[in-house]
Amino acid sequence: MKRGLSQTGLRTTTILVSMVVGVVAIILCCCILLFLDHYRSATVQNARTSSAQAVSQVSNTVSDYLRDMEQAMDLVERSMWENADERDRALEAFLTFRPDVVAVTSYSPSGVLLDCWSLKREPREQIVQNLSFDLGRARNSGAAYMTAPHVESIFEGYYPWVVTRTEKLEEGGKAAWVSLDLSFSSISSYISNVSIGQRGYCFVMDGAGNIVYHPQQQLLYAGLKTEDTGSLAALADGSYADDTVIYSLTSVEGSDWRIVGVSYVDELVNRNVSEMLQLSMVLAVVVLIAAVLTSWLLSRLLSRPLRGLASAMEDFERDADHFSYHPVRGTQEVRELSDSFGHMVLRIQRLMTTVREEEVNLRKTELKALQAQINPHFLYNTLDSIAWMCEQGRNADAVKMVHALARLFRISISRGHELIPIAKEIEHAESYLEIQKYRYKNQFTYAFDVEPECLDYYCNKITLQPIIENAINHGLDLMVEEGRIDVQVWRDGEDIVFCVQDNGVGMSREQISSIMQRETTDRTGIGIRNVDDRIKIYFGSRYGLRITSELDVGTCVEIRMPGIKEGDNEAK
């Protein structure tokens, strides 16, 4: 019986698991796509509703502001028909009661400023430009009109942000128009503070698409930002969404102003959809795992008799000498196959007893030889270098290399202890560097700078060797000039810091990431990631490795661990 023949066909388990997983995967993909499509539509609708609610609230606030302005104008207009003393007293009381009213002004039929009422302020003697009154607009508007927010320009050294409402007075009086300048700072602050999401905002425009107020007006004036108010003015009140932006428009009652809310789809919608996609993928993976386990268990129950017979054949093939066959239960066909196989096993065992015994002995011998050959790749190269030195007559160097190798393995064993004195770790690193220096034929130099007070502290064993190995393999091996490795150890408060620095070719961020994720550097080495994990597991997440590197300059690996004495080590 050949093992290869048992692998030529697909197993029942494989077929069943593949079919179940394939069907479940297709159904999951369809469900996830449909769900995400409906979820995105619902999220967009919710975002539009939220934006519309925010804009409606702003519209109500602005409407209340304008309604309050109309009521204030009614009081001012009635006071204008009183005699001069009563009018002045009434307006003074009004201005005292309403500090948000910056000024009340009256104008002649030719547009000349007649009177100005303002708390503790007098208008300039010469007004270059009165932004609060436009004679042409006053005549064309007929009864009343309201300006966009502007700077009050009739006072000296006082320039508040105001909105002006101008009413036409009935004929018969000296004044033809009266204007009320109301502070716009409270409304502007309110609109500026309204946010729809993190980047969304609101602004005010009139029916023709002219911007009345925008929280980012400076960017608009500088040309760094634009608003397509022409297209927005043509839209009716409501919410409109495209691929990137959601617009919500609401008219302000009692004026031609409109509140526009701007929010961004990627912020309000795409982020939620992305999170839901991640959750869906996690759930899909869980469902697939459950499907695999379920189908595997079911197929195992159905194919167990055949698998039992196949397992018995494999067991007999692996160890015919000690094989004891137990008939497999199952269907009639399986029992017949089981009986036939049992008879065949007995005949083979009787006819090939001697051959089997020799084969067993031979396999045992081969196993021992194989185990004897399982030596570290590093040890092989080192011994090869020692043999070469002996052939070249460099016996003294060979002796030094043998002693270094002995120290290396003695310290590596460390009687099974995880923590060893830093002095031993330094000795281990020096032995490794001494061996590598012989192997690389003095292509690099090295130096140790260790504070004496650090030698009695303890550290994880085999901490420096993987770092040094990485410096040689990735930093110095490709260099033309002589390389150098500097190892430093010093106290940093309550911590001990190791630093391995080379002047090699350096590494990119991708290479650093690859090294930190690699489990082992070779068959015998302990990977840099392993060193970092052991330190973090033993001492906590604030300790471990930090790699900095610059191409064509070199690499520095800093290792931080707490200062532990021998008593602390026993406590550990």
Protein backbone atom coordinates (compact mmCIF):
# COMPACT_ATOMS: atom_id res chain seq x y z
CA MET A 1 0.00 0.00 0.00
CA LYS A 2 1.44 3.40 -0.99
CA ARG A 3 0.54 6.54 0.88
CA GLY A 4 0.29 8.55 -2.31
CA LEU A 5 -2.67 6.48 -3.49
CA SER A 6 -4.77 7.56 -0.52
CA GLN A 7 -4.40 11.22 -1.47
CA THR A 8 -5.45 11.04 -5.13
CA GLY A 9 -9.17 11.74 -4.60
CA LEU A 10 -11.20 14.32 -2.73
CA ARG A 11 -12.44 13.31 0.67
CA THR A 12 -16.13 13.39 1.54
CA THR A 13 -15.30 15.87 4.27
CA THR A 14 -13.60 18.20 1.81
CA ILE A 15 -16.48 18.06 -0.68
CA LEU A 16 -19.16 18.63 1.95
CA VAL A 17 -17.29 21.43 3.72
CA SER A 18 -16.50 23.15 0.42
CA MET A 19 -20.12 23.01 -0.73
CA VAL A 20 -21.54 24.30 2.56
CA VAL A 21 -18.94 27.06 2.90
CA GLY A 22 -19.38 28.08 -0.75
CA VAL A 23 -23.17 28.32 -0.47
CA VAL A 24 -22.99 30.14 2.86
CA ALA A 25 -20.36 32.55 1.51
CA ILE A 26 -22.50 33.41 -1.54
CA ILE A 27 -25.59 33.95 0.60
CA LEU A 28 -23.62 36.08 3.06
CA CYS A 29 -22.18 38.25 0.31
CA CYS A 30 -25.62 38.87 -1.18
CA CYS A 31 -27.12 39.62 2.24
CA ILE A 32 -24.28 41.97 3.17
CA LEU A 33 -24.54 43.87 -0.13
CA LEU A 34 -28.32 44.24 0.20
CA PHE A 35 -28.05 45.19 3.85
CA LEU A 36 -25.34 47.80 3.22
CA ASP A 37 -27.34 49.28 0.34
CA HIS A 38 -30.46 49.64 2.50
CA TYR A 39 -28.40 50.79 5.47
CA ARG A 40 -26.69 53.49 3.40
CA SER A 41 -30.02 54.69 2.05
CA ALA A 42 -31.44 54.83 5.57
CA THR A 43 -28.34 56.59 6.87
CA VAL A 44 -28.51 59.19 4.09
CA GLN A 45 -32.18 59.76 4.90
CA ASN A 46 -31.38 60.13 8.60
CA ALA A 47 -28.57 62.55 7.76
CA ARG A 48 -30.92 64.58 5.56
CA THR A 49 -33.54 64.63 8.32
CA SER A 50 -30.97 65.67 10.93
CA SER A 51 -29.66 68.41 8.65
CA ALA A 52 -33.20 69.61 7.91
CA GLN A 53 -34.02 69.77 11.62
CA ALA A 54 -30.90 71.81 12.34
CA VAL A 55 -31.68 74.21 9.50
CA SER A 56 -35.32 74.49 10.61
CA GLN A 57 -34.19 75.41 14.11
CA VAL A 58 -31.88 78.09 12.70
CA SER A 59 -34.71 79.37 10.50
CA ASN A 60 -37.04 79.64 13.51
CA THR A 61 -34.39 81.53 15.47
CA VAL A 62 -33.74 83.97 12.61
CA SER A 63 -37.50 84.35 12.09
CA ASP A 64 -37.93 85.22 15.77
CA TYR A 65 -35.10 87.71 15.39
CA LEU A 66 -36.81 89.43 12.43
CA ARG A 67 -40.21 89.31 14.11
CA ASP A 68 -38.70 90.93 17.18
CA MET A 69 -37.18 93.54 14.87
CA GLU A 70 -40.60 94.28 13.35
CA GLN A 71 -42.15 94.70 16.79
CA ALA A 72 -39.35 97.06 17.79
CA MET A 73 -39.87 99.01 14.57
CA ASP A 74 -43.60 99.36 15.34
CA LEU A 75 -42.75 100.99 18.69
CA VAL A 76 -40.25 103.30 17.02
CA GLU A 77 -42.68 104.22 14.26
CA ARG A 78 -45.44 105.10 16.77
CA SER A 79 -43.06 107.25 18.79
CA MET A 80 -42.19 109.26 15.68
CA TRP A 81 -45.70 110.82 15.74
CA GLU A 82 -45.30 112.16 19.26
CA ASN A 83 -44.03 115.66 19.95
CA ALA A 84 -40.24 116.06 20.13
CA ASP A 85 -39.88 115.80 23.93
CA GLU A 86 -42.15 112.80 24.33
CA ARG A 87 -40.57 111.15 21.29
CA ASP A 88 -37.06 111.61 22.70
CA ARG A 89 -38.09 110.27 26.11
CA ALA A 90 -39.85 107.29 24.54
CA LEU A 91 -36.89 106.43 22.32
CA GLU A 92 -34.43 106.87 25.20
CA ALA A 93 -36.49 104.47 27.33
CA PHE A 94 -36.72 102.10 24.36
CA LEU A 95 -32.94 102.14 23.81
CA THR A 96 -32.36 101.56 27.52
CA PHE A 97 -34.74 98.62 27.54
CA ARG A 98 -33.34 97.23 24.27
CA PRO A 99 -29.49 97.36 24.44
CA ASP A 100 -29.36 95.26 21.26
CA VAL A 101 -30.71 98.28 19.30
CA VAL A 102 -27.63 100.18 18.16
CA ALA A 103 -29.34 103.25 16.73
CA VAL A 104 -32.64 104.75 15.52
CA THR A 105 -32.30 107.27 12.69
CA SER A 106 -34.72 109.39 10.66
CA TYR A 107 -34.21 110.80 7.17
CA SER A 108 -35.69 113.56 5.07
CA PRO A 109 -37.37 112.92 1.69
CA SER A 110 -34.00 113.68 0.07
CA GLY A 111 -32.20 111.12 2.22
CA VAL A 112 -30.51 113.55 4.64
CA LEU A 113 -29.98 112.27 8.18
CA LEU A 114 -32.27 114.33 10.44
CA ASP A 115 -32.01 112.71 13.87
CA CYS A 116 -30.08 109.90 15.47
CA TRP A 117 -30.98 108.28 18.79
CA SER A 118 -28.31 106.08 20.38
CA LEU A 119 -27.23 105.53 23.98
CA LYS A 120 -24.25 107.78 24.77
CA ARG A 121 -23.19 108.10 21.12
CA GLU A 122 -23.50 110.90 18.61
CA PRO A 123 -23.15 110.53 14.84
CA ARG A 124 -20.20 111.94 13.01
CA GLU A 125 -20.40 115.48 11.74
CA GLN A 126 -19.43 114.28 8.28
CA ILE A 127 -20.62 110.82 7.28
CA VAL A 128 -18.73 109.61 4.24
CA GLN A 129 -21.04 106.66 3.57
CA ASN A 130 -24.09 105.54 5.50
CA LEU A 131 -24.36 101.79 4.97
CA SER A 132 -27.62 101.67 6.93
CA PHE A 133 -29.64 103.77 4.48
CA ASP A 134 -29.96 103.65 0.69
CA LEU A 135 -32.17 106.41 -0.76
CA GLY A 136 -32.67 104.65 -4.05
CA ARG A 137 -33.71 101.40 -2.43
CA ALA A 138 -35.93 103.25 0.04
CA ARG A 139 -37.82 104.91 -2.81
CA ASN A 140 -38.10 101.73 -4.88
CA SER A 141 -39.19 99.52 -2.00
CA GLY A 142 -42.31 101.53 -1.37
CA ALA A 143 -43.20 100.70 2.23
CA ALA A 144 -40.24 99.01 3.96
CA TYR A 145 -37.03 97.09 3.31
CA MET A 146 -34.33 95.34 5.29
CA THR A 147 -30.59 95.35 4.59
CA ALA A 148 -28.13 92.53 4.78
CA PRO A 149 -25.79 92.48 7.79
CA HIS A 150 -23.25 95.29 7.55
CA VAL A 151 -20.97 97.47 9.65
CA GLU A 152 -22.52 100.54 11.31
CA SER A 153 -20.63 103.50 9.80
CA ILE A 154 -22.20 106.64 11.26
CA PHE A 155 -20.34 106.63 14.60
CA GLU A 156 -16.77 107.51 15.39
CA GLY A 157 -14.72 104.53 16.67
CA TYR A 158 -17.75 102.24 17.00
CA TYR A 159 -18.45 99.76 14.23
CA PRO A 160 -20.90 97.09 15.34
CA TRP A 161 -22.33 94.43 13.01
CA VAL A 162 -26.00 95.36 12.41
CA VAL A 163 -29.08 94.70 10.31
CA THR A 164 -31.15 97.74 9.36
CA ARG A 165 -34.93 97.89 8.82
CA THR A 166 -36.27 101.03 7.17
CA GLU A 167 -39.95 102.04 7.23
CA LYS A 168 -41.60 104.78 5.18
CA LEU A 169 -43.45 107.33 7.33
CA GLU A 170 -46.75 108.83 6.36
CA GLU A 171 -46.58 112.21 4.70
CA GLY A 172 -47.08 115.29 6.78
CA GLY A 173 -44.06 115.04 9.00
CA LYS A 174 -40.56 116.35 8.67
CA ALA A 175 -39.06 112.85 8.40
CA ALA A 176 -39.89 110.63 5.42
CA TRP A 177 -38.15 107.42 6.61
CA VAL A 178 -37.12 105.96 9.94
CA SER A 179 -34.47 103.24 10.31
CA LEU A 180 -33.69 100.83 13.14
CA ASP A 181 -30.20 99.32 13.43
CA LEU A 182 -30.34 96.03 15.36
CA SER A 183 -27.20 94.19 16.46
CA PHE A 184 -26.56 91.07 14.39
CA SER A 185 -23.78 89.66 16.61
CA SER A 186 -26.04 87.33 18.62
CA ILE A 187 -27.57 85.81 15.47
CA SER A 188 -24.21 85.57 13.70
CA SER A 189 -22.67 83.85 16.73
CA TYR A 190 -25.60 81.46 16.87
CA ILE A 191 -25.35 80.59 13.15
CA SER A 192 -21.56 80.24 13.39
CA ASN A 193 -21.89 77.83 16.30
CA VAL A 194 -24.42 75.62 14.51
CA SER A 195 -22.64 72.52 13.27
CA ILE A 196 -23.99 69.59 11.31
CA GLY A 197 -21.47 66.88 12.03
CA GLN A 198 -17.88 67.96 12.49
CA ARG A 199 -17.50 70.02 9.29
CA GLY A 200 -21.07 70.97 8.40
CA TYR A 201 -22.36 74.54 8.77
CA CYS A 202 -25.27 76.90 7.96
CA PHE A 203 -25.39 80.20 6.08
CA VAL A 204 -28.03 82.74 5.07
CA MET A 205 -28.82 83.90 1.54
CA ASP A 206 -31.63 85.91 -0.05
CA GLY A 207 -34.07 84.78 -2.70
CA ALA A 208 -31.73 85.83 -5.52
CA GLY A 209 -28.87 83.73 -4.19
CA ASN A 210 -26.88 86.59 -2.65
CA ILE A 211 -25.14 85.59 0.56
CA VAL A 212 -26.54 87.51 3.53
CA TYR A 213 -24.30 85.91 6.15
CA HIS A 214 -21.76 83.11 5.99
CA PRO A 215 -19.64 81.85 8.93
CA GLN A 216 -16.69 81.56 6.55
CA GLN A 217 -17.08 84.92 4.82
CA GLN A 218 -13.36 85.69 4.99
CA LEU A 219 -12.62 82.55 2.96
CA LEU A 220 -15.29 83.56 0.45
CA TYR A 221 -13.86 87.07 0.09
CA ALA A 222 -10.35 85.64 -0.32
CA GLY A 223 -11.53 83.27 -3.04
CA LEU A 224 -10.48 80.21 -1.02
CA LYS A 225 -14.04 78.92 -0.84
CA THR A 226 -17.08 79.17 -3.09
CA GLU A 227 -20.79 78.46 -2.71
CA ASP A 228 -23.00 77.65 -5.69
CA THR A 229 -25.77 79.90 -4.43
CA GLY A 230 -27.18 80.36 -7.94
CA SER A 231 -28.10 76.69 -8.19
CA LEU A 232 -29.28 76.61 -4.58
CA ALA A 233 -31.59 79.60 -5.12
CA ALA A 234 -33.40 77.66 -7.85
CA LEU A 235 -34.19 74.79 -5.45
CA ALA A 236 -37.34 74.61 -3.37
CA ASP A 237 -37.22 74.18 0.38
CA GLY A 238 -36.12 70.67 1.36
CA SER A 239 -33.05 68.42 1.52
CA TYR A 240 -30.92 67.42 -1.44
CA ALA A 241 -28.03 64.94 -1.44
CA ASP A 242 -25.37 64.11 -4.00
CA ASP A 243 -22.31 61.90 -3.73
CA THR A 244 -20.44 64.21 -1.36
CA VAL A 245 -22.70 66.95 0.08
CA ILE A 246 -26.18 67.22 1.62
CA TYR A 247 -27.95 70.58 1.22
CA SER A 248 -30.96 71.55 3.35
CA LEU A 249 -32.89 74.74 2.52
CA THR A 250 -35.60 76.49 4.57
CA SER A 251 -37.16 79.92 3.98
CA VAL A 252 -37.28 82.40 6.84
CA GLU A 253 -40.84 83.46 7.57
CA GLY A 254 -41.56 87.12 6.93
CA SER A 255 -38.51 87.76 4.71
CA ASP A 256 -36.85 86.68 1.48
CA TRP A 257 -34.00 85.13 3.44
CA ARG A 258 -33.29 81.41 3.23
CA ILE A 259 -31.24 79.24 5.58
CA VAL A 260 -28.92 76.76 3.86
CA GLY A 261 -27.40 73.83 5.75
CA VAL A 262 -24.32 72.11 4.32
CA SER A 263 -23.18 68.70 5.57
CA TYR A 264 -20.85 66.08 4.14
CA VAL A 265 -21.78 62.55 3.16
CA ASP A 266 -18.36 61.07 3.98
CA GLU A 267 -18.67 62.35 7.55
CA LEU A 268 -22.32 61.55 8.27
CA VAL A 269 -22.84 58.50 6.07
CA ASN A 270 -19.69 56.85 4.76
CA ARG A 271 -18.11 56.54 8.20
CA ASN A 272 -21.18 54.75 9.57
CA VAL A 273 -21.35 52.55 6.49
CA SER A 274 -17.66 51.71 6.85
CA GLU A 275 -18.13 50.75 10.49
CA MET A 276 -21.16 48.67 9.61
CA LEU A 277 -19.18 47.00 6.82
CA GLN A 278 -16.46 46.05 9.29
CA LEU A 279 -19.07 44.66 11.68
CA SER A 280 -20.71 42.75 8.83
CA MET A 281 -17.39 41.26 7.81
CA VAL A 282 -16.71 40.14 11.37
CA LEU A 283 -20.15 38.55 11.57
CA ALA A 284 -19.62 36.94 8.17
CA VAL A 285 -16.34 35.44 9.34
CA VAL A 286 -18.05 34.11 12.48
CA VAL A 287 -20.85 32.61 10.40
CA LEU A 288 -18.36 31.04 7.98
CA ILE A 289 -16.41 29.55 10.86
CA ALA A 290 -19.62 28.18 12.33
CA ALA A 291 -20.59 26.75 8.93
CA VAL A 292 -17.17 25.12 8.54
CA LEU A 293 -17.36 23.57 12.01
CA THR A 294 -20.93 22.36 11.51
CA SER A 295 -20.29 20.84 8.09
CA TRP A 296 -17.05 19.30 9.33
CA LEU A 297 -18.78 17.66 12.29
CA LEU A 298 -21.58 16.39 10.07
CA SER A 299 -19.23 15.00 7.45
CA ARG A 300 -17.13 13.41 10.15
CA LEU A 301 -20.17 11.57 11.50
CA LEU A 302 -21.09 10.35 8.02
CA SER A 303 -17.61 9.32 6.94
CA ARG A 304 -16.27 8.09 10.28
CA PRO A 305 -16.38 4.34 9.38
CA LEU A 306 -14.42 4.86 6.17
CA ARG A 307 -12.05 7.23 7.88
CA GLY A 308 -11.54 4.67 10.62
CA LEU A 309 -10.60 2.03 8.06
CA ALA A 310 -8.32 4.44 6.23
CA SER A 311 -6.76 5.44 9.56
CA ALA A 312 -6.14 1.77 10.38
CA MET A 313 -4.40 1.32 7.03
CA GLU A 314 -2.27 4.38 7.66
CA ASP A 315 -1.40 3.13 11.14
CA PHE A 316 -0.41 -0.23 9.72
CA GLU A 317 1.66 1.52 7.05
CA ARG A 318 3.43 3.63 9.68
CA ASP A 319 4.09 0.86 12.23
CA ALA A 320 3.31 -2.61 10.92
CA ASP A 321 5.36 -4.32 13.62
CA HIS A 322 3.29 -3.10 16.61
CA PHE A 323 -0.01 -2.76 14.79
CA SER A 324 -3.04 -4.41 16.40
CA TYR A 325 -6.09 -4.31 14.20
CA HIS A 326 -9.59 -3.75 15.58
CA PRO A 327 -12.43 -4.32 13.11
CA VAL A 328 -14.28 -1.20 12.00
CA ARG A 329 -18.04 -1.07 12.38
CA GLY A 330 -20.31 0.40 9.76
CA THR A 331 -22.27 -0.63 6.70
CA GLN A 332 -22.03 -4.12 5.17
CA GLU A 333 -19.54 -2.96 2.57
CA VAL A 334 -17.32 -1.36 5.21
CA ARG A 335 -17.38 -4.51 7.37
CA GLU A 336 -16.35 -6.66 4.39
CA LEU A 337 -13.47 -4.33 3.63
CA SER A 338 -12.51 -4.37 7.30
CA ASP A 339 -12.45 -8.20 7.46
CA SER A 340 -10.42 -8.45 4.28
CA PHE A 341 -7.93 -5.93 5.57
CA GLY A 342 -7.70 -7.82 8.89
CA HIS A 343 -6.83 -11.09 7.11
CA MET A 344 -4.26 -9.28 4.99
CA VAL A 345 -2.64 -7.76 8.07
CA LEU A 346 -2.30 -11.15 9.76
CA ARG A 347 -0.75 -12.76 6.67
CA ILE A 348 1.74 -9.93 6.18
CA GLN A 349 2.71 -9.97 9.85
CA ARG A 350 3.32 -13.74 9.74
CA LEU A 351 5.26 -13.72 6.45
CA MET A 352 7.41 -10.66 7.16
CA THR A 353 8.14 -10.91 10.87
CA THR A 354 11.87 -10.95 10.41
CA VAL A 355 11.79 -8.25 7.77
CA ARG A 356 9.66 -6.06 9.98
CA GLU A 357 12.00 -6.47 12.93
CA GLU A 358 14.97 -5.49 10.81
CA GLU A 359 13.04 -2.62 9.40
CA VAL A 360 12.11 -1.46 12.90
CA ASN A 361 15.73 -1.60 13.99
CA LEU A 362 16.80 0.21 10.86
CA ARG A 363 14.19 2.94 11.42
CA LYS A 364 15.34 3.37 15.00
CA THR A 365 18.91 3.74 13.86
CA GLU A 366 17.94 6.23 11.18
CA LEU A 367 15.93 8.19 13.74
CA LYS A 368 18.90 8.43 16.10
CA ALA A 369 21.15 9.53 13.25
CA LEU A 370 18.61 12.11 12.18
CA GLN A 371 18.34 13.47 15.71
CA ALA A 372 22.11 13.68 15.93
CA GLN A 373 22.11 15.75 12.74
CA ILE A 374 19.57 18.25 14.01
CA ASN A 375 22.22 20.82 14.95
CA PRO A 376 21.80 24.60 14.72
CA HIS A 377 22.76 26.14 11.40
CA PHE A 378 24.84 28.65 13.33
CA LEU A 379 26.74 25.85 15.09
CA TYR A 380 27.51 24.22 11.74
CA ASN A 381 28.93 27.43 10.27
CA THR A 382 30.92 28.12 13.42
CA LEU A 383 32.49 24.67 13.52
CA ASP A 384 33.24 24.97 9.82
CA SER A 385 35.07 28.22 10.53
CA ILE A 386 37.00 26.56 13.39
CA ALA A 387 38.05 23.72 11.08
CA TRP A 388 39.22 26.23 8.47
CA MET A 389 41.29 28.05 11.10
CA CYS A 390 42.91 24.82 12.17
CA GLU A 391 43.76 23.98 8.57
CA GLN A 392 45.33 27.40 8.18
CA GLY A 393 47.37 26.93 11.30
CA ARG A 394 45.47 29.60 13.21
CA ASN A 395 45.17 27.42 16.28
CA ALA A 396 45.05 30.30 18.76
CA ASP A 397 42.12 31.86 16.93
CA ALA A 398 40.39 28.48 16.77
CA VAL A 399 40.82 28.04 20.53
CA LYS A 400 39.34 31.49 21.17
CA MET A 401 36.43 30.68 18.89
CA VAL A 402 35.78 27.36 20.66
CA HIS A 403 35.84 29.08 24.05
CA ALA A 404 33.46 31.76 22.75
CA LEU A 405 31.11 29.08 21.41
CA ALA A 406 31.18 27.24 24.75
CA ARG A 407 30.39 30.44 26.65
CA LEU A 408 27.61 31.20 24.19
CA PHE A 409 25.82 27.88 24.72
CA ARG A 410 26.46 27.80 28.46
CA ILE A 411 24.84 31.18 28.95
CA SER A 412 22.02 30.30 26.51
CA ILE A 413 21.06 27.34 28.71
CA SER A 414 21.25 29.38 31.97
CA ARG A 415 19.82 26.41 33.94
CA GLY A 416 16.38 27.14 32.53
CA HIS A 417 16.18 30.65 34.03
CA GLU A 418 14.52 33.38 31.98
CA LEU A 419 16.29 36.27 33.75
CA ILE A 420 20.07 36.41 34.00
CA PRO A 421 22.49 39.12 35.20
CA ILE A 422 23.27 41.80 32.65
CA ALA A 423 26.93 40.87 33.04
CA LYS A 424 26.12 37.39 31.69
CA GLU A 425 24.04 38.84 28.87
CA ILE A 426 26.94 41.11 27.90
CA GLU A 427 29.28 38.12 28.00
CA HIS A 428 26.84 36.20 25.78
CA ALA A 429 26.73 39.08 23.28
CA GLU A 430 30.52 39.43 23.29
CA SER A 431 30.91 35.70 22.61
CA TYR A 432 28.46 35.93 19.73
CA LEU A 433 30.20 38.97 18.26
CA GLU A 434 33.58 37.35 18.64
CA ILE A 435 32.38 34.29 16.68
CA GLN A 436 30.71 36.43 14.03
CA LYS A 437 33.79 38.60 13.66
CA TYR A 438 35.85 35.50 12.82
CA ARG A 439 33.18 34.24 10.45
CA TYR A 440 32.89 37.56 8.62
CA LYS A 441 36.68 37.89 8.52
CA ASN A 442 36.86 41.13 10.47
CA GLN A 443 34.47 43.03 8.22
CA PHE A 444 33.23 44.96 11.26
CA THR A 445 34.33 46.16 14.68
CA TYR A 446 32.34 46.41 17.86
CA ALA A 447 32.50 48.12 21.23
CA PHE A 448 30.66 47.87 24.54
CA ASP A 449 29.94 50.83 26.79
CA VAL A 450 28.26 49.52 29.94
CA GLU A 451 27.80 51.44 33.14
CA PRO A 452 29.34 49.29 35.92
CA GLU A 453 26.36 49.73 38.22
CA CYS A 454 24.14 48.03 35.61
CA LEU A 455 26.04 44.73 35.59
CA ASP A 456 24.34 43.37 38.74
CA TYR A 457 20.85 44.01 37.42
CA TYR A 458 18.88 41.26 35.70
CA CYS A 459 17.45 41.11 32.17
CA ASN A 460 15.80 38.59 29.83
CA LYS A 461 18.36 36.19 28.48
CA ILE A 462 19.24 36.25 24.76
CA THR A 463 18.09 39.85 24.45
CA LEU A 464 21.06 41.39 22.66
CA GLN A 465 22.00 38.48 20.35
CA PRO A 466 18.94 38.74 18.01
CA ILE A 467 19.43 42.50 17.77
CA ILE A 468 23.11 42.13 16.94
CA GLU A 469 22.33 39.34 14.45
CA ASN A 470 19.85 41.60 12.70
CA ALA A 471 22.42 44.42 12.59
CA ILE A 472 24.95 42.09 10.94
CA ASN A 473 22.55 40.45 8.46
CA HIS A 474 20.56 43.53 7.47
CA GLY A 475 22.93 46.40 8.23
CA LEU A 476 26.54 45.38 7.72
CA ASP A 477 26.45 42.40 5.36
CA LEU A 478 25.84 44.57 2.28
CA MET A 479 28.42 47.24 3.16
CA VAL A 480 31.66 47.75 1.26
CA GLU A 481 33.31 49.78 4.00
CA GLU A 482 34.06 48.46 7.47
CA GLY A 483 31.00 48.22 9.70
CA ARG A 484 30.72 49.03 13.35
CA ILE A 485 28.39 47.92 16.12
CA ASP A 486 28.16 49.84 19.41
CA VAL A 487 26.39 48.34 22.41
CA GLN A 488 25.55 50.65 25.28
CA VAL A 489 23.82 49.99 28.63
CA TRP A 490 22.89 52.71 31.10
CA ARG A 491 20.49 53.61 33.90
CA ASP A 492 17.52 55.85 33.09
CA GLY A 493 15.74 56.54 36.36
CA GLU A 494 14.32 53.23 37.56
CA ASP A 495 14.85 51.61 34.14
CA ILE A 496 17.74 49.98 32.33
CA VAL A 497 18.25 50.94 28.69
CA PHE A 498 20.15 48.84 26.13
CA CYS A 499 21.13 50.39 22.82
CA VAL A 500 22.53 48.52 19.80
CA GLN A 501 23.64 50.90 17.04
CA ASP A 502 25.28 50.17 13.70
CA ASN A 503 26.51 52.25 10.79
CA GLY A 504 25.00 49.96 8.18
CA VAL A 505 22.81 50.60 5.18
CA GLY A 506 19.78 51.41 7.34
CA MET A 507 16.21 50.28 6.89
CA SER A 508 12.96 51.69 5.60
CA ARG A 509 9.78 51.74 7.65
CA GLU A 510 8.53 48.72 5.73
CA GLN A 511 11.65 46.75 6.58
CA ILE A 512 11.37 47.70 10.26
CA SER A 513 7.73 46.59 10.27
CA SER A 514 8.68 43.30 8.58
CA ILE A 515 11.40 42.58 11.14
CA MET A 516 9.09 43.37 14.05
CA GLN A 517 6.51 40.92 12.67
CA ARG A 518 8.91 38.08 11.88
CA GLU A 519 8.83 35.22 14.38
CA THR A 520 12.38 33.96 13.93
CA THR A 521 15.47 35.16 12.15
CA ASP A 522 16.62 31.66 11.20
CA ARG A 523 16.27 28.10 12.42
CA THR A 524 17.88 28.81 15.80
CA GLY A 525 17.65 32.53 16.34
CA ILE A 526 15.06 34.22 18.49
CA GLY A 527 13.27 36.89 16.43
CA ILE A 528 13.32 40.56 17.34
CA ARG A 529 9.53 40.45 17.65
CA ASN A 530 9.93 37.56 20.09
CA VAL A 531 12.33 39.63 22.22
CA ASP A 532 9.87 42.51 22.30
CA ASP A 533 6.97 40.22 23.20
CA ARG A 534 8.90 38.50 25.99
CA ILE A 535 9.86 41.83 27.58
CA LYS A 536 6.30 43.15 27.38
CA ILE A 537 4.81 39.95 28.79
CA TYR A 538 7.36 39.85 31.61
CA PHE A 539 7.44 43.55 32.57
CA GLY A 540 4.47 45.32 30.95
CA SER A 541 3.54 47.18 27.79
CA ARG A 542 5.59 50.31 28.60
CA TYR A 543 8.78 48.32 28.13
CA GLY A 544 10.22 46.73 24.99
CA LEU A 545 11.94 47.70 21.74
CA ARG A 546 12.03 50.91 19.74
CA ILE A 547 13.75 50.89 16.33
CA THR A 548 14.93 54.02 14.55
CA SER A 549 16.77 53.86 11.25
CA GLU A 550 17.90 56.08 8.41
CA LEU A 551 18.92 54.77 5.03
CA ASP A 552 22.68 54.93 4.33
CA VAL A 553 23.26 56.13 7.92
CA GLY A 554 22.51 53.22 10.22
CA THR A 555 20.06 51.68 12.66
CA CYS A 556 19.55 52.09 16.38
CA VAL A 557 17.58 49.59 18.47
CA GLU A 558 16.73 50.76 21.99
CA ILE A 559 15.57 48.21 24.57
CA ARG A 560 13.99 49.39 27.81
CA MET A 561 13.29 47.19 30.84
CA PRO A 562 12.96 47.87 34.58
CA GLY A 563 15.93 47.66 36.91
CA ILE A 564 15.64 44.33 38.77
CA LYS A 565 18.06 42.99 41.35
CA GLU A 566 18.57 39.37 42.37
CA GLY A 567 15.95 39.52 45.15
CA ASP A 568 13.41 41.00 42.76
CA ASN A 569 14.19 38.21 40.31
CA GLU A 570 13.37 35.60 42.94
CA ALA A 571 10.13 37.41 43.66
CA LYS A 572 9.31 37.16 40.01
